C-alpha atoms as a PDB file:
ATOM      1  CA  MET A   1      92.621  77.580 102.051  1.00  0.00           C
ATOM      2  CA  ASN A   2      93.840  73.994 102.339  1.00  0.00           C
ATOM      3  CA  ALA A   3      93.843  71.670 105.351  1.00  0.00           C
ATOM      4  CA  GLU A   4      97.336  72.764 106.378  1.00  0.00           C
ATOM      5  CA  THR A   5      96.646  76.507 106.320  1.00  0.00           C
ATOM      6  CA  ILE A   6      94.735  78.803 108.645  1.00  0.00           C
ATOM      7  CA  ARG A   7      93.628  82.415 108.420  1.00  0.00           C
ATOM      8  CA  ALA A   8      94.988  84.513 111.279  1.00  0.00           C
ATOM      9  CA  VAL A   9      95.095  88.140 112.458  1.00  0.00           C
ATOM     10  CA  ARG A  10      98.507  89.773 112.808  1.00  0.00           C
ATOM     11  CA  TYR A  11      99.896  93.283 113.038  1.00  0.00           C
ATOM     12  CA  THR A  12     102.181  93.774 110.057  1.00  0.00           C
ATOM     13  CA  THR A  13     103.954  96.731 108.496  1.00  0.00           C
ATOM     14  CA  GLU A  14     100.713  97.193 106.535  1.00  0.00           C
ATOM     15  CA  GLY A  15      98.623  97.373 109.701  1.00  0.00           C
ATOM     16  CA  ILE A  16      96.135  94.777 110.978  1.00  0.00           C
ATOM     17  CA  GLN A  17      96.010  92.040 108.356  1.00  0.00           C
ATOM     18  CA  VAL A  18      94.360  88.638 107.982  1.00  0.00           C
ATOM     19  CA  VAL A  19      97.057  86.351 106.622  1.00  0.00           C
ATOM     20  CA  ASP A  20      97.502  82.724 105.608  1.00  0.00           C
ATOM     21  CA  LEU A  21      99.726  80.738 107.975  1.00  0.00           C
ATOM     22  CA  PRO A  22     100.711  77.094 108.327  1.00  0.00           C
ATOM     23  CA  ALA A  23      98.438  75.280 110.741  1.00  0.00           C
ATOM     24  CA  ALA A  24     100.065  74.374 114.054  1.00  0.00           C
ATOM     25  CA  ASP A  25     101.632  70.952 114.369  1.00  0.00           C
ATOM     26  CA  PRO A  26      99.420  68.388 116.165  1.00  0.00           C
ATOM     27  CA  SER A  27     102.129  68.092 118.819  1.00  0.00           C
ATOM     28  CA  MET A  28     101.078  71.554 120.011  1.00  0.00           C
ATOM     29  CA  GLY A  29      97.900  70.168 121.502  1.00  0.00           C
ATOM     30  CA  VAL A  30      94.184  69.838 120.856  1.00  0.00           C
ATOM     31  CA  ARG A  31      92.719  71.707 117.900  1.00  0.00           C
ATOM     32  CA  VAL A  32      90.056  74.287 118.678  1.00  0.00           C
ATOM     33  CA  ASN A  33      88.111  75.508 115.657  1.00  0.00           C
ATOM     34  CA  VAL A  34      87.580  79.089 116.747  1.00  0.00           C
ATOM     35  CA  ARG A  35      84.083  80.566 116.644  1.00  0.00           C
ATOM     36  CA  ALA A  36      84.592  83.696 118.762  1.00  0.00           C
ATOM     37  CA  CYS A  37      87.613  85.696 119.922  1.00  0.00           C
ATOM     38  CA  GLY A  38      87.309  88.935 121.864  1.00  0.00           C
ATOM     39  CA  ILE A  39      89.511  91.994 121.481  1.00  0.00           C
ATOM     40  CA  CYS A  40      91.056  92.962 124.817  1.00  0.00           C
ATOM     41  CA  GLY A  41      92.563  96.248 125.898  1.00  0.00           C
ATOM     42  CA  THR A  42      95.888  94.395 125.961  1.00  0.00           C
ATOM     43  CA  ASP A  43      95.478  93.703 122.238  1.00  0.00           C
ATOM     44  CA  LEU A  44      95.147  97.442 121.667  1.00  0.00           C
ATOM     45  CA  HIS A  45      98.230  98.085 123.819  1.00  0.00           C
ATOM     46  CA  MET A  46     100.150  95.559 121.718  1.00  0.00           C
ATOM     47  CA  LEU A  47      99.750  97.803 118.691  1.00  0.00           C
ATOM     48  CA  ASP A  48     102.135 100.209 120.427  1.00  0.00           C
ATOM     49  CA  TRP A  49     104.792  97.478 120.360  1.00  0.00           C
ATOM     50  CA  GLY A  50     104.873  97.659 116.579  1.00  0.00           C
ATOM     51  CA  PRO A  51     104.573  94.829 114.034  1.00  0.00           C
ATOM     52  CA  ARG A  52     105.249  91.379 115.533  1.00  0.00           C
ATOM     53  CA  PRO A  53     105.051  87.859 114.112  1.00  0.00           C
ATOM     54  CA  ILE A  54     102.411  86.843 116.676  1.00  0.00           C
ATOM     55  CA  THR A  55      98.767  85.991 116.032  1.00  0.00           C
ATOM     56  CA  PHE A  56      96.433  88.049 118.250  1.00  0.00           C
ATOM     57  CA  GLY A  57      93.739  86.660 120.491  1.00  0.00           C
ATOM     58  CA  HIS A  58      93.529  85.285 124.014  1.00  0.00           C
ATOM     59  CA  GLU A  59      89.737  85.469 124.617  1.00  0.00           C
ATOM     60  CA  ILE A  60      88.952  82.285 122.722  1.00  0.00           C
ATOM     61  CA  ALA A  61      85.969  79.974 122.296  1.00  0.00           C
ATOM     62  CA  GLY A  62      85.185  77.372 119.675  1.00  0.00           C
ATOM     63  CA  HIS A  63      84.550  73.706 118.952  1.00  0.00           C
ATOM     64  CA  LEU A  64      86.788  70.680 119.096  1.00  0.00           C
ATOM     65  CA  ASP A  65      86.910  68.492 116.013  1.00  0.00           C
ATOM     66  CA  ASP A  66      84.154  66.324 117.519  1.00  0.00           C
ATOM     67  CA  GLY A  67      81.889  69.358 117.944  1.00  0.00           C
ATOM     68  CA  THR A  68      82.385  69.822 121.689  1.00  0.00           C
ATOM     69  CA  PRO A  69      82.041  73.530 122.598  1.00  0.00           C
ATOM     70  CA  VAL A  70      84.872  74.917 124.709  1.00  0.00           C
ATOM     71  CA  ALA A  71      86.524  78.076 125.896  1.00  0.00           C
ATOM     72  CA  VAL A  72      90.273  78.333 126.390  1.00  0.00           C
ATOM     73  CA  GLU A  73      92.436  79.224 129.370  1.00  0.00           C
ATOM     74  CA  PRO A  74      95.149  80.829 127.218  1.00  0.00           C
ATOM     75  CA  VAL A  75      98.300  79.785 129.034  1.00  0.00           C
ATOM     76  CA  ARG A  76     100.995  77.283 128.137  1.00  0.00           C
ATOM     77  CA  PRO A  77     103.079  77.149 131.349  1.00  0.00           C
ATOM     78  CA  CYS A  78     106.403  75.344 131.571  1.00  0.00           C
ATOM     79  CA  GLU A  79     105.069  73.215 134.485  1.00  0.00           C
ATOM     80  CA  THR A  80     108.599  72.784 135.850  1.00  0.00           C
ATOM     81  CA  CYS A  81     109.573  76.110 137.482  1.00  0.00           C
ATOM     82  CA  ASP A  82     108.998  76.833 141.178  1.00  0.00           C
ATOM     83  CA  GLN A  83     105.846  78.862 140.471  1.00  0.00           C
ATOM     84  CA  CYS A  84     104.262  76.144 138.343  1.00  0.00           C
ATOM     85  CA  ARG A  85     105.163  73.443 140.855  1.00  0.00           C
ATOM     86  CA  THR A  86     103.373  75.345 143.638  1.00  0.00           C
ATOM     87  CA  GLY A  87     100.238  75.835 141.527  1.00  0.00           C
ATOM     88  CA  ASN A  88     100.949  79.426 140.513  1.00  0.00           C
ATOM     89  CA  TYR A  89     101.244  78.617 136.832  1.00  0.00           C
ATOM     90  CA  HIS A  90      99.925  82.066 135.936  1.00  0.00           C
ATOM     91  CA  ARG A  91     103.218  83.403 137.341  1.00  0.00           C
ATOM     92  CA  CYS A  92     105.341  80.942 135.373  1.00  0.00           C
ATOM     93  CA  ARG A  93     108.987  82.025 135.220  1.00  0.00           C
ATOM     94  CA  SER A  94     108.852  81.802 131.421  1.00  0.00           C
ATOM     95  CA  GLY A  95     106.825  85.029 131.407  1.00  0.00           C
ATOM     96  CA  LEU A  96     105.238  86.110 128.132  1.00  0.00           C
ATOM     97  CA  ALA A  97     106.414  82.902 126.467  1.00  0.00           C
ATOM     98  CA  THR A  98     103.557  81.154 128.289  1.00  0.00           C
ATOM     99  CA  CYS A  99     100.835  83.613 127.240  1.00  0.00           C
ATOM    100  CA  ILE A 100      98.738  82.558 124.260  1.00  0.00           C
ATOM    101  CA  GLY A 101      97.894  85.576 122.132  1.00  0.00           C
ATOM    102  CA  THR A 102     100.447  87.954 123.642  1.00  0.00           C
ATOM    103  CA  GLY A 103     103.763  86.096 123.744  1.00  0.00           C
ATOM    104  CA  ILE A 104     102.938  83.177 121.457  1.00  0.00           C
ATOM    105  CA  ASP A 105     100.390  82.656 118.693  1.00  0.00           C
ATOM    106  CA  GLY A 106      96.809  83.231 119.766  1.00  0.00           C
ATOM    107  CA  GLY A 107      93.321  82.336 118.683  1.00  0.00           C
ATOM    108  CA  MET A 108      92.176  85.206 116.484  1.00  0.00           C
ATOM    109  CA  ALA A 109      92.296  82.696 113.670  1.00  0.00           C
ATOM    110  CA  THR A 110      90.272  79.944 112.094  1.00  0.00           C
ATOM    111  CA  SER A 111      91.861  77.402 114.463  1.00  0.00           C
ATOM    112  CA  ILE A 112      94.458  77.041 117.187  1.00  0.00           C
ATOM    113  CA  ARG A 113      96.058  74.153 119.049  1.00  0.00           C
ATOM    114  CA  VAL A 114      96.246  74.407 122.832  1.00  0.00           C
ATOM    115  CA  PRO A 115      97.257  72.071 125.654  1.00  0.00           C
ATOM    116  CA  GLU A 116      94.431  69.823 126.772  1.00  0.00           C
ATOM    117  CA  ARG A 117      94.772  71.390 130.236  1.00  0.00           C
ATOM    118  CA  SER A 118      93.685  74.721 128.680  1.00  0.00           C
ATOM    119  CA  LEU A 119      90.252  73.499 127.593  1.00  0.00           C
ATOM    120  CA  VAL A 120      87.244  74.828 129.501  1.00  0.00           C
ATOM    121  CA  ALA A 121      84.042  72.793 129.220  1.00  0.00           C
ATOM    122  CA  LEU A 122      80.983  74.964 128.663  1.00  0.00           C
ATOM    123  CA  PRO A 123      78.085  74.327 131.051  1.00  0.00           C
ATOM    124  CA  PRO A 124      74.522  74.106 129.737  1.00  0.00           C
ATOM    125  CA  GLY A 125      73.174  77.557 128.995  1.00  0.00           C
ATOM    126  CA  LEU A 126      76.471  79.027 127.782  1.00  0.00           C
ATOM    127  CA  GLY A 127      76.772  79.191 124.003  1.00  0.00           C
ATOM    128  CA  VAL A 128      80.110  79.284 122.256  1.00  0.00           C
ATOM    129  CA  GLY A 129      79.271  82.736 120.890  1.00  0.00           C
ATOM    130  CA  GLN A 130      79.274  84.133 124.430  1.00  0.00           C
ATOM    131  CA  ALA A 131      82.098  81.991 125.823  1.00  0.00           C
ATOM    132  CA  SER A 132      84.944  84.250 124.722  1.00  0.00           C
ATOM    133  CA  LEU A 133      83.989  86.236 127.836  1.00  0.00           C
ATOM    134  CA  VAL A 134      85.227  83.381 130.041  1.00  0.00           C
ATOM    135  CA  GLU A 135      88.765  84.778 129.921  1.00  0.00           C
ATOM    136  CA  PRO A 136      88.109  88.423 130.901  1.00  0.00           C
ATOM    137  CA  LEU A 137      85.599  87.383 133.559  1.00  0.00           C
ATOM    138  CA  ALA A 138      88.188  84.986 135.014  1.00  0.00           C
ATOM    139  CA  VAL A 139      90.660  87.897 135.210  1.00  0.00           C
ATOM    140  CA  ALA A 140      88.176  89.815 137.339  1.00  0.00           C
ATOM    141  CA  LEU A 141      87.237  86.842 139.527  1.00  0.00           C
ATOM    142  CA  HIS A 142      90.877  86.083 140.276  1.00  0.00           C
ATOM    143  CA  GLY A 143      91.578  89.653 141.384  1.00  0.00           C
ATOM    144  CA  LEU A 144      88.400  89.926 143.434  1.00  0.00           C
ATOM    145  CA  ARG A 145      89.262  86.661 145.159  1.00  0.00           C
ATOM    146  CA  LEU A 146      92.753  87.950 146.010  1.00  0.00           C
ATOM    147  CA  ALA A 147      91.162  91.080 147.467  1.00  0.00           C
ATOM    148  CA  GLY A 148      88.874  89.037 149.705  1.00  0.00           C
ATOM    149  CA  VAL A 149      85.596  90.228 148.190  1.00  0.00           C
ATOM    150  CA  GLY A 150      82.587  88.440 149.613  1.00  0.00           C
ATOM    151  CA  ARG A 151      79.012  88.911 150.716  1.00  0.00           C
ATOM    152  CA  GLY A 152      78.473  92.431 152.000  1.00  0.00           C
ATOM    153  CA  THR A 153      81.821  93.831 150.849  1.00  0.00           C
ATOM    154  CA  SER A 154      81.571  97.360 149.490  1.00  0.00           C
ATOM    155  CA  VAL A 155      83.349  97.563 146.128  1.00  0.00           C
ATOM    156  CA  GLY A 156      84.039 100.545 143.898  1.00  0.00           C
ATOM    157  CA  VAL A 157      85.086  99.885 140.302  1.00  0.00           C
ATOM    158  CA  VAL A 158      86.786 102.663 138.346  1.00  0.00           C
ATOM    159  CA  GLY A 159      86.625 102.058 134.595  1.00  0.00           C
ATOM    160  CA  GLY A 160      83.668 100.939 132.499  1.00  0.00           C
ATOM    161  CA  GLY A 161      85.448  98.856 129.879  1.00  0.00           C
ATOM    162  CA  SER A 162      85.155  95.103 129.662  1.00  0.00           C
ATOM    163  CA  VAL A 163      87.424  94.363 132.650  1.00  0.00           C
ATOM    164  CA  GLY A 164      85.623  96.919 134.795  1.00  0.00           C
ATOM    165  CA  LEU A 165      82.226  95.535 133.873  1.00  0.00           C
ATOM    166  CA  ALA A 166      83.495  91.989 134.446  1.00  0.00           C
ATOM    167  CA  ALA A 167      84.556  93.143 137.905  1.00  0.00           C
ATOM    168  CA  VAL A 168      81.074  94.555 138.481  1.00  0.00           C
ATOM    169  CA  ALA A 169      79.453  91.273 137.433  1.00  0.00           C
ATOM    170  CA  GLY A 170      81.890  89.184 139.459  1.00  0.00           C
ATOM    171  CA  ALA A 171      81.594  91.259 142.620  1.00  0.00           C
ATOM    172  CA  ARG A 172      77.809  91.264 142.386  1.00  0.00           C
ATOM    173  CA  ALA A 173      77.819  87.468 142.022  1.00  0.00           C
ATOM    174  CA  MET A 174      79.974  87.284 145.172  1.00  0.00           C
ATOM    175  CA  GLY A 175      77.345  89.249 147.065  1.00  0.00           C
ATOM    176  CA  ALA A 176      79.128  92.598 147.171  1.00  0.00           C
ATOM    177  CA  ALA A 177      77.536  96.038 146.957  1.00  0.00           C
ATOM    178  CA  VAL A 178      79.104  97.656 143.892  1.00  0.00           C
ATOM    179  CA  THR A 179      79.447 101.203 142.598  1.00  0.00           C
ATOM    180  CA  LEU A 180      80.822 101.776 139.091  1.00  0.00           C
ATOM    181  CA  VAL A 181      82.636 104.993 138.213  1.00  0.00           C
ATOM    182  CA  ALA A 182      82.757 105.324 134.432  1.00  0.00           C
ATOM    183  CA  ARG A 183      83.202 108.003 131.820  1.00  0.00           C
ATOM    184  CA  HIS A 184      80.761 107.220 129.015  1.00  0.00           C
ATOM    185  CA  PRO A 185      76.946 106.966 129.142  1.00  0.00           C
ATOM    186  CA  HIS A 186      76.846 103.519 127.527  1.00  0.00           C
ATOM    187  CA  GLN A 187      79.274 102.227 130.172  1.00  0.00           C
ATOM    188  CA  LEU A 188      77.090 103.610 132.938  1.00  0.00           C
ATOM    189  CA  ASP A 189      74.049 101.978 131.349  1.00  0.00           C
ATOM    190  CA  ALA A 190      75.912  98.650 131.195  1.00  0.00           C
ATOM    191  CA  GLY A 191      76.968  98.891 134.832  1.00  0.00           C
ATOM    192  CA  ARG A 192      73.413  99.638 135.851  1.00  0.00           C
ATOM    193  CA  ALA A 193      72.180  96.619 133.863  1.00  0.00           C
ATOM    194  CA  LEU A 194      74.662  94.433 135.751  1.00  0.00           C
ATOM    195  CA  GLY A 195      73.359  95.572 139.131  1.00  0.00           C
ATOM    196  CA  ALA A 196      75.761  98.342 140.154  1.00  0.00           C
ATOM    197  CA  ALA A 197      75.076 101.831 141.360  1.00  0.00           C
ATOM    198  CA  VAL A 198      76.691 104.097 138.763  1.00  0.00           C
ATOM    199  CA  THR A 199      78.199 107.563 138.554  1.00  0.00           C
ATOM    200  CA  ASP A 200      80.605 109.581 136.448  1.00  0.00           C
ATOM    201  CA  ASP A 201      81.735 111.534 139.527  1.00  0.00           C
ATOM    202  CA  PRO A 202      83.988 109.681 141.995  1.00  0.00           C
ATOM    203  CA  ALA A 203      83.503 112.455 144.533  1.00  0.00           C
ATOM    204  CA  VAL A 204      79.990 111.216 145.280  1.00  0.00           C
ATOM    205  CA  VAL A 205      81.129 107.680 146.144  1.00  0.00           C
ATOM    206  CA  GLY A 206      81.402 106.926 149.825  1.00  0.00           C
ATOM    207  CA  GLY A 207      84.454 105.031 151.041  1.00  0.00           C
ATOM    208  CA  VAL A 208      84.599 101.420 149.831  1.00  0.00           C
ATOM    209  CA  GLU A 209      86.464  98.450 151.269  1.00  0.00           C
ATOM    210  CA  VAL A 210      87.840  97.357 147.894  1.00  0.00           C
ATOM    211  CA  ALA A 211      88.574  99.916 145.179  1.00  0.00           C
ATOM    212  CA  VAL A 212      89.188  98.326 141.775  1.00  0.00           C
ATOM    213  CA  GLU A 213      91.304 100.190 139.213  1.00  0.00           C
ATOM    214  CA  ALA A 214      90.166  98.746 135.881  1.00  0.00           C
ATOM    215  CA  ALA A 215      91.180 101.330 133.291  1.00  0.00           C
ATOM    216  CA  GLY A 216      94.974 101.167 133.282  1.00  0.00           C
ATOM    217  CA  SER A 217      95.485 104.922 133.626  1.00  0.00           C
ATOM    218  CA  ALA A 218      96.957 107.331 136.157  1.00  0.00           C
ATOM    219  CA  SER A 219      93.633 109.146 136.480  1.00  0.00           C
ATOM    220  CA  ALA A 220      91.835 105.889 137.282  1.00  0.00           C
ATOM    221  CA  MET A 221      94.418 105.085 139.956  1.00  0.00           C
ATOM    222  CA  ARG A 222      93.808 108.481 141.556  1.00  0.00           C
ATOM    223  CA  GLN A 223      90.061 107.981 141.453  1.00  0.00           C
ATOM    224  CA  ALA A 224      90.318 104.475 142.905  1.00  0.00           C
ATOM    225  CA  ALA A 225      92.432 105.798 145.784  1.00  0.00           C
ATOM    226  CA  ASP A 226      89.931 108.609 146.316  1.00  0.00           C
ATOM    227  CA  VAL A 227      86.915 106.277 146.608  1.00  0.00           C
ATOM    228  CA  ALA A 228      88.730 103.865 148.952  1.00  0.00           C
ATOM    229  CA  GLU A 229      88.050 104.139 152.661  1.00  0.00           C
ATOM    230  CA  PRO A 230      90.967 104.190 155.139  1.00  0.00           C
ATOM    231  CA  GLY A 231      92.567 100.764 155.379  1.00  0.00           C
ATOM    232  CA  ALA A 232      91.012  99.593 152.112  1.00  0.00           C
ATOM    233  CA  ILE A 233      92.488  97.415 149.389  1.00  0.00           C
ATOM    234  CA  LEU A 234      93.290  99.076 146.063  1.00  0.00           C
ATOM    235  CA  LEU A 235      93.043  96.246 143.520  1.00  0.00           C
ATOM    236  CA  VAL A 236      94.877  96.854 140.249  1.00  0.00           C
ATOM    237  CA  LEU A 237      93.200  95.040 137.350  1.00  0.00           C
ATOM    238  CA  GLY A 238      94.095  97.604 134.678  1.00  0.00           C
ATOM    239  CA  VAL A 239      97.211  97.063 132.558  1.00  0.00           C
ATOM    240  CA  HIS A 240      99.900  99.687 133.186  1.00  0.00           C
ATOM    241  CA  LEU A 241     102.777  99.488 130.732  1.00  0.00           C
ATOM    242  CA  SER A 242     104.887 102.037 132.606  1.00  0.00           C
ATOM    243  CA  ASP A 243     105.385 102.704 136.319  1.00  0.00           C
ATOM    244  CA  LEU A 244     102.348 102.120 138.518  1.00  0.00           C
ATOM    245  CA  PRO A 245     101.112 105.635 139.391  1.00  0.00           C
ATOM    246  CA  VAL A 246      99.917 105.133 142.973  1.00  0.00           C
ATOM    247  CA  PRO A 247      98.936 108.527 144.462  1.00  0.00           C
ATOM    248  CA  GLY A 248     101.374 108.682 147.345  1.00  0.00           C
ATOM    249  CA  ILE A 249      99.798 111.042 149.871  1.00  0.00           C
ATOM    250  CA  THR A 250      96.338 109.519 149.542  1.00  0.00           C
ATOM    251  CA  ALA A 251      97.696 105.980 149.828  1.00  0.00           C
ATOM    252  CA  LEU A 252      99.820 106.929 152.828  1.00  0.00           C
ATOM    253  CA  MET A 253      97.159 108.861 154.715  1.00  0.00           C
ATOM    254  CA  LYS A 254      94.600 106.093 154.187  1.00  0.00           C
ATOM    255  CA  GLU A 255      97.104 103.239 154.656  1.00  0.00           C
ATOM    256  CA  LEU A 256      95.854 101.585 151.494  1.00  0.00           C
ATOM    257  CA  SER A 257      97.036  98.098 150.596  1.00  0.00           C
ATOM    258  CA  VAL A 258      97.816  97.912 146.880  1.00  0.00           C
ATOM    259  CA  ARG A 259      97.068  94.476 145.464  1.00  0.00           C
ATOM    260  CA  SER A 260      98.066  93.694 141.882  1.00  0.00           C
ATOM    261  CA  SER A 261      96.577  90.753 140.018  1.00  0.00           C
ATOM    262  CA  ILE A 262      97.521  88.931 136.841  1.00  0.00           C
ATOM    263  CA  MET A 263      95.445  86.485 134.842  1.00  0.00           C
ATOM    264  CA  TYR A 264      93.871  83.548 136.742  1.00  0.00           C
ATOM    265  CA  ASN A 265      94.679  80.215 138.307  1.00  0.00           C
ATOM    266  CA  ARG A 266      92.852  78.108 140.935  1.00  0.00           C
ATOM    267  CA  ASP A 267      91.072  78.856 144.182  1.00  0.00           C
ATOM    268  CA  GLY A 268      91.821  77.214 147.508  1.00  0.00           C
ATOM    269  CA  ASN A 269      89.679  74.233 146.540  1.00  0.00           C
ATOM    270  CA  GLY A 270      91.560  73.640 143.301  1.00  0.00           C
ATOM    271  CA  ARG A 271      88.815  74.973 141.037  1.00  0.00           C
ATOM    272  CA  ARG A 272      89.974  77.114 138.128  1.00  0.00           C
ATOM    273  CA  ASP A 273      88.875  80.727 137.850  1.00  0.00           C
ATOM    274  CA  VAL A 274      87.973  80.034 134.204  1.00  0.00           C
ATOM    275  CA  ASP A 275      85.550  77.289 135.248  1.00  0.00           C
ATOM    276  CA  ASP A 276      83.897  79.623 137.747  1.00  0.00           C
ATOM    277  CA  ALA A 277      83.649  82.254 135.011  1.00  0.00           C
ATOM    278  CA  ALA A 278      81.948  79.802 132.651  1.00  0.00           C
ATOM    279  CA  THR A 279      79.484  78.814 135.359  1.00  0.00           C
ATOM    280  CA  MET A 280      78.688  82.468 136.083  1.00  0.00           C
ATOM    281  CA  LEU A 281      78.106  83.295 132.414  1.00  0.00           C
ATOM    282  CA  ALA A 282      75.754  80.329 132.060  1.00  0.00           C
ATOM    283  CA  ALA A 283      73.807  81.343 135.156  1.00  0.00           C
ATOM    284  CA  ASP A 284      73.426  84.986 134.105  1.00  0.00           C
ATOM    285  CA  PRO A 285      72.953  85.530 130.343  1.00  0.00           C
ATOM    286  CA  ALA A 286      72.647  89.284 130.994  1.00  0.00           C
ATOM    287  CA  ILE A 287      76.423  89.488 131.407  1.00  0.00           C
ATOM    288  CA  ALA A 288      77.161  88.546 127.801  1.00  0.00           C
ATOM    289  CA  ALA A 289      74.128  90.402 126.481  1.00  0.00           C
ATOM    290  CA  THR A 290      75.367  93.571 128.184  1.00  0.00           C
ATOM    291  CA  MET A 291      79.081  93.320 127.510  1.00  0.00           C
ATOM    292  CA  ILE A 292      79.248  92.102 123.896  1.00  0.00           C
ATOM    293  CA  THR A 293      78.360  95.133 121.813  1.00  0.00           C
ATOM    294  CA  HIS A 294      79.853  94.232 118.415  1.00  0.00           C
ATOM    295  CA  ARG A 295      80.475  91.074 116.387  1.00  0.00           C
ATOM    296  CA  VAL A 296      82.720  91.365 113.339  1.00  0.00           C
ATOM    297  CA  PRO A 297      83.797  88.686 110.814  1.00  0.00           C
ATOM    298  CA  LEU A 298      87.434  87.623 110.902  1.00  0.00           C
ATOM    299  CA  GLU A 299      88.134  89.044 107.465  1.00  0.00           C
ATOM    300  CA  ARG A 300      87.160  92.493 108.792  1.00  0.00           C
ATOM    301  CA  ALA A 301      89.566  92.315 111.726  1.00  0.00           C
ATOM    302  CA  ALA A 302      91.020  95.751 110.975  1.00  0.00           C
ATOM    303  CA  ASP A 303      87.513  97.244 111.323  1.00  0.00           C
ATOM    304  CA  ALA A 304      87.057  95.327 114.580  1.00  0.00           C
ATOM    305  CA  PHE A 305      90.191  96.899 116.054  1.00  0.00           C
ATOM    306  CA  ARG A 306      89.046 100.378 115.015  1.00  0.00           C
ATOM    307  CA  ILE A 307      85.675  99.822 116.680  1.00  0.00           C
ATOM    308  CA  ALA A 308      87.278  98.464 119.862  1.00  0.00           C
ATOM    309  CA  ALA A 309      89.558 101.501 120.141  1.00  0.00           C
ATOM    310  CA  ASP A 310      86.647 103.966 119.997  1.00  0.00           C
ATOM    311  CA  ARG A 311      85.081 103.614 123.447  1.00  0.00           C
ATOM    312  CA  ALA A 312      83.212 106.884 123.072  1.00  0.00           C
ATOM    313  CA  ALA A 313      81.272 105.417 120.133  1.00  0.00           C
ATOM    314  CA  GLY A 314      79.703 102.683 122.261  1.00  0.00           C
ATOM    315  CA  ALA A 315      82.060  99.706 122.097  1.00  0.00           C
ATOM    316  CA  ILE A 316      82.517  97.563 125.182  1.00  0.00           C
ATOM    317  CA  LYS A 317      83.489  94.090 123.957  1.00  0.00           C
ATOM    318  CA  VAL A 318      84.136  93.524 120.272  1.00  0.00           C
ATOM    319  CA  VAL A 319      84.141  89.856 119.248  1.00  0.00           C
ATOM    320  CA  VAL A 320      85.818  88.642 116.066  1.00  0.00           C
ATOM    321  CA  GLU A 321      84.077  85.637 114.532  1.00  0.00           C
ATOM    322  CA  PRO A 322      86.027  83.379 112.130  1.00  0.00           C
END
């Protein structure tokens, strides 16, 4: 590999491959030498789209050329549309073209260039090896904030994958009482370690004020509606690639408010969700210790995707390490 070439993970006609690509032009932003990149459920969904000339990876952490450790807020908004101008850059009118790792080249590679605005400084106590969790935790914090979660709120989370567990950790940090409904024993163990009451039976959960759907499935939507109390908020954090399957009679009879959430931006004080996520990870090392179950070298990316797809075998968050 020479100075103008990087190694990057793409989905080709031969499957998941690690390929040589030209390094991004310096005009594309600040270079991050990637040290950790998580595999998200969205990455697994993207396999259904077929081969695409896009480098995977939006859960990114690494070092700048001067050695500074950073995480990345993986968005490249246009900054000129009405949504960007009002601070809602996560809803940029350019859509997927703003999303690093899904619409444009991501960070499952030896290096990536990102806008300087995308850099997230790591607080003391947060190592770069754990900082790829900044992105998924920010997803959860943004949604929980939209749902008004605070001290004393009762929250039920349906789905024990990484987004569900991030929601558990985030809600607990906000002072909420949390119950996790999950399918697999290792997910229940992880939820318990993060401070939630846990069960594999939604029928035993009393009504909660905020029910979080974190699995991206019709069954999880039904369960989230079932555990919600009348008048509750049903927060959709899971990715649904088809119609949103809200259970009509339950939602009507309970007068549920369905709140969808995408990515992350800033709170009312102008602080980014990604910065809050970094602070939370630094303050509670148990989050990363619980959620990161596998670390796989970049050159074994195909193995990493197979591990991430097999939730029953114990995977929660699989991190690829260039």
